[in-house]
PDB file of all heavy atoms in Angstrom:
ATOM      1  N   GLU A   1    -247.359  44.530 -72.385  1.00  0.00           N
ATOM      2  CA  GLU A   1    -247.979  43.476 -71.618  1.00  0.00           C
ATOM      3  C   GLU A   1    -248.206  43.763 -70.186  1.00  0.00           C
ATOM      4  O   GLU A   1    -249.267  43.824 -69.664  1.00  0.00           O
ATOM      5  CB  GLU A   1    -247.099  42.147 -71.782  1.00  0.00           C
ATOM      6  CG  GLU A   1    -247.177  41.617 -73.080  1.00  0.00           C
ATOM      7  CD  GLU A   1    -246.571  40.276 -73.207  1.00  0.00           C
ATOM      8  OE1 GLU A   1    -247.085  39.270 -72.550  1.00  0.00           O
ATOM      9  OE2 GLU A   1    -245.567  40.020 -73.976  1.00  0.00           O
ATOM     10  N   SER A   2    -247.127  44.179 -69.421  1.00  0.00           N
ATOM     11  CA  SER A   2    -247.191  44.494 -68.049  1.00  0.00           C
ATOM     12  C   SER A   2    -248.007  43.417 -67.295  1.00  0.00           C
ATOM     13  O   SER A   2    -247.856  42.212 -67.467  1.00  0.00           O
ATOM     14  CB  SER A   2    -247.672  45.867 -67.785  1.00  0.00           C
ATOM     15  OG  SER A   2    -249.043  46.059 -68.233  1.00  0.00           O
ATOM     16  N   ASN A   3    -248.986  43.903 -66.595  1.00  0.00           N
ATOM     17  CA  ASN A   3    -249.912  42.920 -65.856  1.00  0.00           C
ATOM     18  C   ASN A   3    -251.310  42.797 -66.499  1.00  0.00           C
ATOM     19  O   ASN A   3    -252.178  42.298 -65.940  1.00  0.00           O
ATOM     20  CB  ASN A   3    -250.085  43.324 -64.332  1.00  0.00           C
ATOM     21  CG  ASN A   3    -248.716  43.251 -63.622  1.00  0.00           C
ATOM     22  OD1 ASN A   3    -248.045  42.226 -63.795  1.00  0.00           O
ATOM     23  ND2 ASN A   3    -248.454  44.229 -62.800  1.00  0.00           N
ATOM     24  N   LEU A   4    -251.422  43.403 -67.690  1.00  0.00           N
ATOM     25  CA  LEU A   4    -252.737  43.552 -68.289  1.00  0.00           C
ATOM     26  C   LEU A   4    -253.344  42.181 -68.614  1.00  0.00           C
ATOM     27  O   LEU A   4    -254.516  41.907 -68.407  1.00  0.00           O
ATOM     28  CB  LEU A   4    -252.713  44.434 -69.516  1.00  0.00           C
ATOM     29  CG  LEU A   4    -254.028  44.705 -70.287  1.00  0.00           C
ATOM     30  CD1 LEU A   4    -255.004  45.338 -69.281  1.00  0.00           C
ATOM     31  CD2 LEU A   4    -253.793  45.628 -71.428  1.00  0.00           C
ATOM     32  N   GLY A   5    -252.477  41.245 -69.095  1.00  0.00           N
ATOM     33  CA  GLY A   5    -252.924  39.918 -69.465  1.00  0.00           C
ATOM     34  C   GLY A   5    -253.580  39.144 -68.215  1.00  0.00           C
ATOM     35  O   GLY A   5    -254.561  38.571 -68.374  1.00  0.00           O
ATOM     36  N   GLY A   6    -252.879  39.262 -67.129  1.00  0.00           N
ATOM     37  CA  GLY A   6    -253.411  38.578 -65.839  1.00  0.00           C
ATOM     38  C   GLY A   6    -254.688  39.330 -65.444  1.00  0.00           C
ATOM     39  O   GLY A   6    -255.654  38.607 -65.068  1.00  0.00           O
ATOM     40  N   TRP A   7    -254.787  40.598 -65.603  1.00  0.00           N
ATOM     41  CA  TRP A   7    -255.993  41.339 -65.180  1.00  0.00           C
ATOM     42  C   TRP A   7    -257.152  40.887 -66.057  1.00  0.00           C
ATOM     43  O   TRP A   7    -258.246  40.690 -65.598  1.00  0.00           O
ATOM     44  CB  TRP A   7    -255.715  42.876 -65.234  1.00  0.00           C
ATOM     45  CG  TRP A   7    -256.991  43.616 -64.938  1.00  0.00           C
ATOM     46  CD1 TRP A   7    -257.452  43.866 -63.679  1.00  0.00           C
ATOM     47  CD2 TRP A   7    -257.721  44.438 -65.843  1.00  0.00           C
ATOM     48  NE1 TRP A   7    -258.542  44.701 -63.756  1.00  0.00           N
ATOM     49  CE2 TRP A   7    -258.798  45.041 -65.031  1.00  0.00           C
ATOM     50  CE3 TRP A   7    -257.782  44.666 -67.257  1.00  0.00           C
ATOM     51  CZ2 TRP A   7    -259.762  45.929 -65.536  1.00  0.00           C
ATOM     52  CZ3 TRP A   7    -258.725  45.492 -67.787  1.00  0.00           C
ATOM     53  CH2 TRP A   7    -259.706  46.080 -66.939  1.00  0.00           C
ATOM     54  N   LEU A   8    -256.896  40.807 -67.334  1.00  0.00           N
ATOM     55  CA  LEU A   8    -257.924  40.334 -68.314  1.00  0.00           C
ATOM     56  C   LEU A   8    -258.466  38.933 -67.913  1.00  0.00           C
ATOM     57  O   LEU A   8    -259.628  38.677 -68.134  1.00  0.00           O
ATOM     58  CB  LEU A   8    -257.489  40.443 -69.707  1.00  0.00           C
ATOM     59  CG  LEU A   8    -257.270  41.728 -70.301  1.00  0.00           C
ATOM     60  CD1 LEU A   8    -256.666  41.692 -71.701  1.00  0.00           C
ATOM     61  CD2 LEU A   8    -258.632  42.507 -70.463  1.00  0.00           C
ATOM     62  N   SER A   9    -257.630  38.071 -67.479  1.00  0.00           N
ATOM     63  CA  SER A   9    -258.031  36.719 -67.160  1.00  0.00           C
ATOM     64  C   SER A   9    -258.947  36.709 -65.911  1.00  0.00           C
ATOM     65  O   SER A   9    -259.633  35.751 -65.712  1.00  0.00           O
ATOM     66  CB  SER A   9    -256.807  35.847 -66.914  1.00  0.00           C
ATOM     67  OG  SER A   9    -256.170  36.234 -65.699  1.00  0.00           O
ATOM     68  N   ARG A  10    -258.937  37.680 -65.090  1.00  0.00           N
ATOM     69  CA  ARG A  10    -259.747  37.794 -63.877  1.00  0.00           C
ATOM     70  C   ARG A  10    -260.901  38.868 -64.030  1.00  0.00           C
ATOM     71  O   ARG A  10    -261.620  39.139 -63.125  1.00  0.00           O
ATOM     72  CB  ARG A  10    -258.952  38.212 -62.723  1.00  0.00           C
ATOM     73  CG  ARG A  10    -257.783  37.305 -62.403  1.00  0.00           C
ATOM     74  CD  ARG A  10    -257.114  37.696 -61.107  1.00  0.00           C
ATOM     75  NE  ARG A  10    -256.528  39.077 -61.119  1.00  0.00           N
ATOM     76  CZ  ARG A  10    -255.302  39.344 -61.566  1.00  0.00           C
ATOM     77  NH1 ARG A  10    -254.518  38.364 -62.009  1.00  0.00           N
ATOM     78  NH2 ARG A  10    -254.883  40.601 -61.635  1.00  0.00           N
ATOM     79  N   LEU A  11    -261.123  39.306 -65.265  1.00  0.00           N
ATOM     80  CA  LEU A  11    -261.991  40.446 -65.513  1.00  0.00           C
ATOM     81  C   LEU A  11    -263.467  40.140 -65.142  1.00  0.00           C
ATOM     82  O   LEU A  11    -263.975  39.002 -65.386  1.00  0.00           O
ATOM     83  CB  LEU A  11    -261.914  40.785 -67.003  1.00  0.00           C
ATOM     84  CG  LEU A  11    -262.546  42.129 -67.396  1.00  0.00           C
ATOM     85  CD1 LEU A  11    -261.789  43.315 -66.773  1.00  0.00           C
ATOM     86  CD2 LEU A  11    -262.495  42.290 -68.944  1.00  0.00           C
ATOM     87  N   ASN A  12    -264.157  41.124 -64.572  1.00  0.00           N
ATOM     88  CA  ASN A  12    -265.609  41.062 -64.443  1.00  0.00           C
ATOM     89  C   ASN A  12    -266.244  42.461 -64.722  1.00  0.00           C
ATOM     90  O   ASN A  12    -265.496  43.384 -64.923  1.00  0.00           O
ATOM     91  CB  ASN A  12    -265.980  40.453 -63.069  1.00  0.00           C
ATOM     92  CG  ASN A  12    -265.437  41.318 -61.872  1.00  0.00           C
ATOM     93  OD1 ASN A  12    -265.357  42.556 -62.005  1.00  0.00           O
ATOM     94  ND2 ASN A  12    -265.070  40.668 -60.852  1.00  0.00           N
ATOM     95  N   ASN A  13    -267.549  42.532 -64.533  1.00  0.00           N
ATOM     96  CA  ASN A  13    -268.235  43.764 -64.836  1.00  0.00           C
ATOM     97  C   ASN A  13    -267.763  44.872 -63.963  1.00  0.00           C
ATOM     98  O   ASN A  13    -267.662  46.034 -64.349  1.00  0.00           O
ATOM     99  CB  ASN A  13    -269.737  43.585 -64.699  1.00  0.00           C
ATOM    100  CG  ASN A  13    -270.354  42.791 -65.876  1.00  0.00           C
ATOM    101  OD1 ASN A  13    -269.603  42.344 -66.710  1.00  0.00           O
ATOM    102  ND2 ASN A  13    -271.667  42.761 -65.953  1.00  0.00           N
ATOM    103  N   ALA A  14    -267.569  44.599 -62.681  1.00  0.00           N
ATOM    104  CA  ALA A  14    -267.122  45.641 -61.756  1.00  0.00           C
ATOM    105  C   ALA A  14    -265.698  46.219 -62.109  1.00  0.00           C
ATOM    106  O   ALA A  14    -265.505  47.390 -61.954  1.00  0.00           O
ATOM    107  CB  ALA A  14    -267.006  45.058 -60.270  1.00  0.00           C
ATOM    108  N   ASP A  15    -264.877  45.337 -62.686  1.00  0.00           N
ATOM    109  CA  ASP A  15    -263.557  45.888 -63.158  1.00  0.00           C
ATOM    110  C   ASP A  15    -263.780  46.882 -64.305  1.00  0.00           C
ATOM    111  O   ASP A  15    -263.140  47.910 -64.329  1.00  0.00           O
ATOM    112  CB  ASP A  15    -262.628  44.716 -63.687  1.00  0.00           C
ATOM    113  CG  ASP A  15    -262.206  43.792 -62.542  1.00  0.00           C
ATOM    114  OD1 ASP A  15    -261.751  44.287 -61.599  1.00  0.00           O
ATOM    115  OD2 ASP A  15    -262.353  42.598 -62.739  1.00  0.00           O
ATOM    116  N   LEU A  16    -264.681  46.526 -65.196  1.00  0.00           N
ATOM    117  CA  LEU A  16    -265.003  47.438 -66.322  1.00  0.00           C
ATOM    118  C   LEU A  16    -265.449  48.775 -65.844  1.00  0.00           C
ATOM    119  O   LEU A  16    -265.142  49.831 -66.267  1.00  0.00           O
ATOM    120  CB  LEU A  16    -265.971  46.800 -67.289  1.00  0.00           C
ATOM    121  CG  LEU A  16    -265.511  45.472 -67.975  1.00  0.00           C
ATOM    122  CD1 LEU A  16    -266.578  44.959 -68.801  1.00  0.00           C
ATOM    123  CD2 LEU A  16    -264.260  45.796 -68.877  1.00  0.00           C
ATOM    124  N   VAL A  17    -266.437  48.709 -64.815  1.00  0.00           N
ATOM    125  CA  VAL A  17    -266.981  49.958 -64.232  1.00  0.00           C
ATOM    126  C   VAL A  17    -265.882  50.758 -63.545  1.00  0.00           C
ATOM    127  O   VAL A  17    -265.906  52.023 -63.664  1.00  0.00           O
ATOM    128  CB  VAL A  17    -268.131  49.674 -63.251  1.00  0.00           C
ATOM    129  CG1 VAL A  17    -268.545  50.836 -62.408  1.00  0.00           C
ATOM    130  CG2 VAL A  17    -269.313  49.056 -64.033  1.00  0.00           C
ATOM    131  N   SER A  18    -264.972  50.142 -62.892  1.00  0.00           N
ATOM    132  CA  SER A  18    -263.942  50.854 -62.195  1.00  0.00           C
ATOM    133  C   SER A  18    -263.032  51.635 -63.212  1.00  0.00           C
ATOM    134  O   SER A  18    -262.550  52.729 -62.861  1.00  0.00           O
ATOM    135  CB  SER A  18    -263.006  49.892 -61.271  1.00  0.00           C
ATOM    136  OG  SER A  18    -262.346  49.013 -62.144  1.00  0.00           O
ATOM    137  N   VAL A  19    -262.842  51.087 -64.352  1.00  0.00           N
ATOM    138  CA  VAL A  19    -262.153  51.746 -65.416  1.00  0.00           C
ATOM    139  C   VAL A  19    -262.937  52.878 -65.981  1.00  0.00           C
ATOM    140  O   VAL A  19    -262.460  53.980 -66.180  1.00  0.00           O
ATOM    141  CB  VAL A  19    -261.653  50.811 -66.484  1.00  0.00           C
ATOM    142  CG1 VAL A  19    -261.055  51.505 -67.721  1.00  0.00           C
ATOM    143  CG2 VAL A  19    -260.686  49.684 -65.971  1.00  0.00           C
ATOM    144  N   ALA A  20    -264.269  52.573 -66.251  1.00  0.00           N
ATOM    145  CA  ALA A  20    -265.163  53.520 -66.840  1.00  0.00           C
ATOM    146  C   ALA A  20    -265.292  54.791 -66.021  1.00  0.00           C
ATOM    147  O   ALA A  20    -265.473  55.856 -66.482  1.00  0.00           O
ATOM    148  CB  ALA A  20    -266.494  52.899 -67.165  1.00  0.00           C
ATOM    149  N   THR A  21    -265.273  54.605 -64.636  1.00  0.00           N
ATOM    150  CA  THR A  21    -265.432  55.704 -63.764  1.00  0.00           C
ATOM    151  C   THR A  21    -264.424  56.797 -64.071  1.00  0.00           C
ATOM    152  O   THR A  21    -264.766  57.986 -63.941  1.00  0.00           O
ATOM    153  CB  THR A  21    -265.261  55.192 -62.295  1.00  0.00           C
ATOM    154  OG1 THR A  21    -266.310  54.277 -61.979  1.00  0.00           O
ATOM    155  CG2 THR A  21    -265.338  56.423 -61.304  1.00  0.00           C
ATOM    156  N   TYR A  22    -263.241  56.415 -64.423  1.00  0.00           N
ATOM    157  CA  TYR A  22    -262.188  57.491 -64.721  1.00  0.00           C
ATOM    158  C   TYR A  22    -261.925  57.758 -66.189  1.00  0.00           C
ATOM    159  O   TYR A  22    -261.250  58.682 -66.441  1.00  0.00           O
ATOM    160  CB  TYR A  22    -260.875  56.960 -63.994  1.00  0.00           C
ATOM    161  CG  TYR A  22    -260.982  56.949 -62.545  1.00  0.00           C
ATOM    162  CD1 TYR A  22    -261.233  55.707 -61.835  1.00  0.00           C
ATOM    163  CD2 TYR A  22    -260.911  58.082 -61.737  1.00  0.00           C
ATOM    164  CE1 TYR A  22    -261.430  55.745 -60.415  1.00  0.00           C
ATOM    165  CE2 TYR A  22    -261.080  58.068 -60.348  1.00  0.00           C
ATOM    166  CZ  TYR A  22    -261.269  56.882 -59.757  1.00  0.00           C
ATOM    167  OH  TYR A  22    -261.431  56.881 -58.350  1.00  0.00           O
ATOM    168  N   SER A  23    -262.469  56.924 -67.050  1.00  0.00           N
ATOM    169  CA  SER A  23    -262.155  57.083 -68.463  1.00  0.00           C
ATOM    170  C   SER A  23    -263.369  57.398 -69.333  1.00  0.00           C
ATOM    171  O   SER A  23    -263.204  57.845 -70.425  1.00  0.00           O
ATOM    172  CB  SER A  23    -261.423  55.906 -69.014  1.00  0.00           C
ATOM    173  OG  SER A  23    -262.238  54.732 -68.904  1.00  0.00           O
ATOM    174  N   ASP A  24    -264.503  57.141 -68.737  1.00  0.00           N
ATOM    175  CA  ASP A  24    -265.775  57.273 -69.614  1.00  0.00           C
ATOM    176  C   ASP A  24    -266.008  58.653 -70.246  1.00  0.00           C
ATOM    177  O   ASP A  24    -266.356  58.810 -71.385  1.00  0.00           O
ATOM    178  CB  ASP A  24    -266.955  56.987 -68.716  1.00  0.00           C
ATOM    179  CG  ASP A  24    -268.075  56.266 -69.575  1.00  0.00           C
ATOM    180  OD1 ASP A  24    -267.784  55.610 -70.570  1.00  0.00           O
ATOM    181  OD2 ASP A  24    -269.212  56.315 -69.071  1.00  0.00           O
ATOM    182  N   LEU A  25    -265.594  59.716 -69.404  1.00  0.00           N
ATOM    183  CA  LEU A  25    -265.845  61.035 -69.952  1.00  0.00           C
ATOM    184  C   LEU A  25    -264.601  61.702 -70.490  1.00  0.00           C
ATOM    185  O   LEU A  25    -264.623  62.885 -70.869  1.00  0.00           O
ATOM    186  CB  LEU A  25    -266.383  61.926 -68.775  1.00  0.00           C
ATOM    187  CG  LEU A  25    -267.730  61.579 -68.236  1.00  0.00           C
ATOM    188  CD1 LEU A  25    -268.050  62.384 -66.979  1.00  0.00           C
ATOM    189  CD2 LEU A  25    -268.830  61.729 -69.260  1.00  0.00           C
ATOM    190  N   VAL A  26    -263.539  60.974 -70.709  1.00  0.00           N
ATOM    191  CA  VAL A  26    -262.314  61.540 -71.284  1.00  0.00           C
ATOM    192  C   VAL A  26    -262.559  62.170 -72.709  1.00  0.00           C
ATOM    193  O   VAL A  26    -262.157  63.370 -72.850  1.00  0.00           O
ATOM    194  CB  VAL A  26    -261.154  60.521 -71.344  1.00  0.00           C
ATOM    195  CG1 VAL A  26    -259.992  61.036 -72.201  1.00  0.00           C
ATOM    196  CG2 VAL A  26    -260.694  60.240 -69.936  1.00  0.00           C
ATOM    197  N   PRO A  27    -263.292  61.525 -73.603  1.00  0.00           N
ATOM    198  CA  PRO A  27    -263.492  62.165 -74.924  1.00  0.00           C
ATOM    199  C   PRO A  27    -264.346  63.442 -74.750  1.00  0.00           C
ATOM    200  O   PRO A  27    -264.089  64.437 -75.478  1.00  0.00           O
ATOM    201  CB  PRO A  27    -264.342  61.104 -75.636  1.00  0.00           C
ATOM    202  CG  PRO A  27    -263.966  59.797 -75.038  1.00  0.00           C
ATOM    203  CD  PRO A  27    -263.752  60.149 -73.589  1.00  0.00           C
ATOM    204  N   ALA A  28    -265.268  63.455 -73.813  1.00  0.00           N
ATOM    205  CA  ALA A  28    -266.070  64.674 -73.702  1.00  0.00           C
ATOM    206  C   ALA A  28    -265.220  65.743 -73.227  1.00  0.00           C
ATOM    207  O   ALA A  28    -265.408  66.964 -73.588  1.00  0.00           O
ATOM    208  CB  ALA A  28    -267.228  64.425 -72.712  1.00  0.00           C
ATOM    209  N   PHE A  29    -264.392  65.538 -72.215  1.00  0.00           N
ATOM    210  CA  PHE A  29    -263.519  66.613 -71.690  1.00  0.00           C
ATOM    211  C   PHE A  29    -262.465  67.101 -72.695  1.00  0.00           C
ATOM    212  O   PHE A  29    -262.056  68.259 -72.674  1.00  0.00           O
ATOM    213  CB  PHE A  29    -262.834  66.151 -70.378  1.00  0.00           C
ATOM    214  CG  PHE A  29    -263.906  66.195 -69.144  1.00  0.00           C
ATOM    215  CD1 PHE A  29    -264.283  65.041 -68.592  1.00  0.00           C
ATOM    216  CD2 PHE A  29    -264.385  67.403 -68.743  1.00  0.00           C
ATOM    217  CE1 PHE A  29    -265.236  65.114 -67.529  1.00  0.00           C
ATOM    218  CE2 PHE A  29    -265.264  67.468 -67.648  1.00  0.00           C
ATOM    219  CZ  PHE A  29    -265.724  66.302 -67.124  1.00  0.00           C
ATOM    220  N   LEU A  30    -261.988  66.195 -73.507  1.00  0.00           N
ATOM    221  CA  LEU A  30    -261.070  66.543 -74.552  1.00  0.00           C
ATOM    222  C   LEU A  30    -261.740  67.574 -75.550  1.00  0.00           C
ATOM    223  O   LEU A  30    -261.208  68.524 -75.951  1.00  0.00           O
ATOM    224  CB  LEU A  30    -260.514  65.304 -75.276  1.00  0.00           C
ATOM    225  CG  LEU A  30    -259.575  64.507 -74.538  1.00  0.00           C
ATOM    226  CD1 LEU A  30    -259.099  63.247 -75.364  1.00  0.00           C
ATOM    227  CD2 LEU A  30    -258.259  65.322 -74.245  1.00  0.00           C
ATOM    228  N   ALA A  31    -263.067  67.187 -75.903  1.00  0.00           N
ATOM    229  CA  ALA A  31    -263.744  68.117 -76.751  1.00  0.00           C
ATOM    230  C   ALA A  31    -264.010  69.446 -76.134  1.00  0.00           C
ATOM    231  O   ALA A  31    -263.994  70.471 -76.736  1.00  0.00           O
ATOM    232  CB  ALA A  31    -265.084  67.450 -77.079  1.00  0.00           C
ATOM    233  N   LEU A  32    -264.285  69.425 -74.813  1.00  0.00           N
ATOM    234  CA  LEU A  32    -264.458  70.665 -74.023  1.00  0.00           C
ATOM    235  C   LEU A  32    -263.178  71.559 -74.013  1.00  0.00           C
ATOM    236  O   LEU A  32    -263.178  72.747 -74.132  1.00  0.00           O
ATOM    237  CB  LEU A  32    -264.912  70.325 -72.573  1.00  0.00           C
ATOM    238  CG  LEU A  32    -265.186  71.533 -71.709  1.00  0.00           C
ATOM    239  CD1 LEU A  32    -266.332  72.386 -72.200  1.00  0.00           C
ATOM    240  CD2 LEU A  32    -265.565  71.057 -70.328  1.00  0.00           C
ATOM    241  N   LEU A  33    -262.022  70.854 -73.872  1.00  0.00           N
ATOM    242  CA  LEU A  33    -260.791  71.541 -73.911  1.00  0.00           C
ATOM    243  C   LEU A  33    -260.565  72.166 -75.246  1.00  0.00           C
ATOM    244  O   LEU A  33    -260.078  73.369 -75.378  1.00  0.00           O
ATOM    245  CB  LEU A  33    -259.627  70.594 -73.536  1.00  0.00           C
ATOM    246  CG  LEU A  33    -258.223  71.208 -73.608  1.00  0.00           C
ATOM    247  CD1 LEU A  33    -258.050  72.302 -72.550  1.00  0.00           C
ATOM    248  CD2 LEU A  33    -257.210  70.108 -73.256  1.00  0.00           C
ATOM    249  N   GLU A  34    -260.941  71.472 -76.308  1.00  0.00           N
ATOM    250  CA  GLU A  34    -260.790  72.009 -77.654  1.00  0.00           C
ATOM    251  C   GLU A  34    -261.699  73.170 -77.921  1.00  0.00           C
ATOM    252  O   GLU A  34    -261.258  74.209 -78.461  1.00  0.00           O
ATOM    253  CB  GLU A  34    -261.089  70.915 -78.684  1.00  0.00           C
ATOM    254  CG  GLU A  34    -260.879  71.330 -80.139  1.00  0.00           C
ATOM    255  CD  GLU A  34    -261.076  70.226 -81.136  1.00  0.00           C
ATOM    256  OE1 GLU A  34    -261.191  69.013 -80.693  1.00  0.00           O
ATOM    257  OE2 GLU A  34    -261.159  70.493 -82.346  1.00  0.00           O
ATOM    258  N   ARG A  35    -262.991  73.174 -77.311  1.00  0.00           N
ATOM    259  CA  ARG A  35    -263.815  74.298 -77.451  1.00  0.00           C
ATOM    260  C   ARG A  35    -263.327  75.474 -76.627  1.00  0.00           C
ATOM    261  O   ARG A  35    -263.719  76.595 -76.959  1.00  0.00           O
ATOM    262  CB  ARG A  35    -265.260  73.869 -76.924  1.00  0.00           C
ATOM    263  CG  ARG A  35    -266.013  72.964 -77.736  1.00  0.00           C
ATOM    264  CD  ARG A  35    -267.500  72.854 -77.606  1.00  0.00           C
ATOM    265  NE  ARG A  35    -267.815  72.502 -76.216  1.00  0.00           N
ATOM    266  CZ  ARG A  35    -268.001  71.296 -75.790  1.00  0.00           C
ATOM    267  NH1 ARG A  35    -267.828  70.311 -76.647  1.00  0.00           N
ATOM    268  NH2 ARG A  35    -268.292  71.008 -74.523  1.00  0.00           N
ATOM    269  N   SER A  36    -262.498  75.202 -75.654  1.00  0.00           N
ATOM    270  CA  SER A  36    -261.908  76.300 -74.840  1.00  0.00           C
ATOM    271  C   SER A  36    -260.623  76.783 -75.518  1.00  0.00           C
ATOM    272  O   SER A  36    -259.877  77.602 -74.889  1.00  0.00           O
ATOM    273  CB  SER A  36    -261.586  75.794 -73.389  1.00  0.00           C
ATOM    274  OG  SER A  36    -262.802  75.376 -72.822  1.00  0.00           O
ATOM    275  N   ALA A  37    -260.287  76.289 -76.655  1.00  0.00           N
ATOM    276  CA  ALA A  37    -259.094  76.700 -77.442  1.00  0.00           C
ATOM    277  C   ALA A  37    -257.813  76.443 -76.677  1.00  0.00           C
ATOM    278  O   ALA A  37    -256.851  77.209 -76.863  1.00  0.00           O
ATOM    279  CB  ALA A  37    -259.179  78.171 -77.835  1.00  0.00           C
ATOM    280  N   GLY A  38    -257.860  75.398 -75.858  1.00  0.00           N
ATOM    281  CA  GLY A  38    -256.593  75.007 -75.106  1.00  0.00           C
ATOM    282  C   GLY A  38    -256.378  75.931 -73.964  1.00  0.00           C
ATOM    283  O   GLY A  38    -255.311  75.845 -73.330  1.00  0.00           O
ATOM    284  N   ASP A  39    -257.208  76.877 -73.610  1.00  0.00           N
ATOM    285  CA  ASP A  39    -257.025  77.811 -72.504  1.00  0.00           C
ATOM    286  C   ASP A  39    -257.413  77.097 -71.244  1.00  0.00           C
ATOM    287  O   ASP A  39    -258.580  76.879 -70.931  1.00  0.00           O
ATOM    288  CB  ASP A  39    -257.912  79.074 -72.769  1.00  0.00           C
ATOM    289  CG  ASP A  39    -257.734  80.138 -71.638  1.00  0.00           C
ATOM    290  OD1 ASP A  39    -257.401  79.736 -70.499  1.00  0.00           O
ATOM    291  OD2 ASP A  39    -257.829  81.253 -71.952  1.00  0.00           O
ATOM    292  N   LEU A  40    -256.446  76.659 -70.462  1.00  0.00           N
ATOM    293  CA  LEU A  40    -256.696  75.773 -69.309  1.00  0.00           C
ATOM    294  C   LEU A  40    -257.485  76.540 -68.201  1.00  0.00           C
ATOM    295  O   LEU A  40    -258.502  75.908 -67.705  1.00  0.00           O
ATOM    296  CB  LEU A  40    -255.397  75.306 -68.670  1.00  0.00           C
ATOM    297  CG  LEU A  40    -254.728  74.210 -69.451  1.00  0.00           C
ATOM    298  CD1 LEU A  40    -253.323  73.958 -68.886  1.00  0.00           C
ATOM    299  CD2 LEU A  40    -255.603  72.964 -69.576  1.00  0.00           C
ATOM    300  N   PRO A  41    -257.304  77.787 -67.808  1.00  0.00           N
ATOM    301  CA  PRO A  41    -258.156  78.448 -66.910  1.00  0.00           C
ATOM    302  C   PRO A  41    -259.610  78.568 -67.301  1.00  0.00           C
ATOM    303  O   PRO A  41    -260.544  78.345 -66.592  1.00  0.00           O
ATOM    304  CB  PRO A  41    -257.547  79.854 -66.756  1.00  0.00           C
ATOM    305  CG  PRO A  41    -256.063  79.613 -67.038  1.00  0.00           C
ATOM    306  CD  PRO A  41    -256.102  78.641 -68.118  1.00  0.00           C
ATOM    307  N   ALA A  42    -259.781  78.782 -68.644  1.00  0.00           N
ATOM    308  CA  ALA A  42    -261.171  78.781 -69.209  1.00  0.00           C
ATOM    309  C   ALA A  42    -261.808  77.425 -69.110  1.00  0.00           C
ATOM    310  O   ALA A  42    -262.998  77.263 -68.800  1.00  0.00           O
ATOM    311  CB  ALA A  42    -261.214  79.300 -70.658  1.00  0.00           C
ATOM    312  N   PHE A  43    -261.004  76.399 -69.398  1.00  0.00           N
ATOM    313  CA  PHE A  43    -261.507  75.007 -69.293  1.00  0.00           C
ATOM    314  C   PHE A  43    -261.852  74.611 -67.861  1.00  0.00           C
ATOM    315  O   PHE A  43    -262.900  74.113 -67.644  1.00  0.00           O
ATOM    316  CB  PHE A  43    -260.387  74.070 -69.823  1.00  0.00           C
ATOM    317  CG  PHE A  43    -260.598  72.610 -69.598  1.00  0.00           C
ATOM    318  CD1 PHE A  43    -261.543  71.917 -70.353  1.00  0.00           C
ATOM    319  CD2 PHE A  43    -259.851  72.007 -68.550  1.00  0.00           C
ATOM    320  CE1 PHE A  43    -261.749  70.510 -70.078  1.00  0.00           C
ATOM    321  CE2 PHE A  43    -260.158  70.548 -68.409  1.00  0.00           C
ATOM    322  CZ  PHE A  43    -261.060  69.881 -69.131  1.00  0.00           C
ATOM    323  N   TYR A  44    -261.076  75.032 -66.915  1.00  0.00           N
ATOM    324  CA  TYR A  44    -261.406  74.696 -65.504  1.00  0.00           C
ATOM    325  C   TYR A  44    -262.625  75.392 -65.031  1.00  0.00           C
ATOM    326  O   TYR A  44    -263.469  74.860 -64.390  1.00  0.00           O
ATOM    327  CB  TYR A  44    -260.207  75.124 -64.589  1.00  0.00           C
ATOM    328  CG  TYR A  44    -258.894  74.447 -64.874  1.00  0.00           C
ATOM    329  CD1 TYR A  44    -257.678  75.135 -64.699  1.00  0.00           C
ATOM    330  CD2 TYR A  44    -258.818  73.148 -65.366  1.00  0.00           C
ATOM    331  CE1 TYR A  44    -256.460  74.484 -64.897  1.00  0.00           C
ATOM    332  CE2 TYR A  44    -257.669  72.498 -65.480  1.00  0.00           C
ATOM    333  CZ  TYR A  44    -256.451  73.088 -65.398  1.00  0.00           C
ATOM    334  OH  TYR A  44    -255.260  72.496 -65.617  1.00  0.00           O
ATOM    335  N   ALA A  45    -262.759  76.667 -65.471  1.00  0.00           N
ATOM    336  CA  ALA A  45    -263.994  77.480 -65.113  1.00  0.00           C
ATOM    337  C   ALA A  45    -265.256  76.745 -65.712  1.00  0.00           C
ATOM    338  O   ALA A  45    -266.314  76.682 -65.082  1.00  0.00           O
ATOM    339  CB  ALA A  45    -263.845  78.902 -65.632  1.00  0.00           C
ATOM    340  N   GLU A  46    -265.117  76.295 -66.905  1.00  0.00           N
ATOM    341  CA  GLU A  46    -266.305  75.545 -67.556  1.00  0.00           C
ATOM    342  C   GLU A  46    -266.596  74.286 -66.789  1.00  0.00           C
ATOM    343  O   GLU A  46    -267.739  73.922 -66.649  1.00  0.00           O
ATOM    344  CB  GLU A  46    -266.041  75.380 -69.000  1.00  0.00           C
ATOM    345  CG  GLU A  46    -267.204  74.685 -69.735  1.00  0.00           C
ATOM    346  CD  GLU A  46    -268.506  75.467 -69.797  1.00  0.00           C
ATOM    347  OE1 GLU A  46    -268.516  76.660 -69.314  1.00  0.00           O
ATOM    348  OE2 GLU A  46    -269.496  75.013 -70.334  1.00  0.00           O
TER     349      GLU A  46
END
């Protein structure tokens, strides 16, 4: 629960965008890390 319930009660589009700014590309970067075989220096270079 934490404070998420209160946050949801005040939610608007800008809140969604602020979350998406940092989470939207997470699946893509996870896939990129997998393509780099978990090699972090290679991942950073890409």
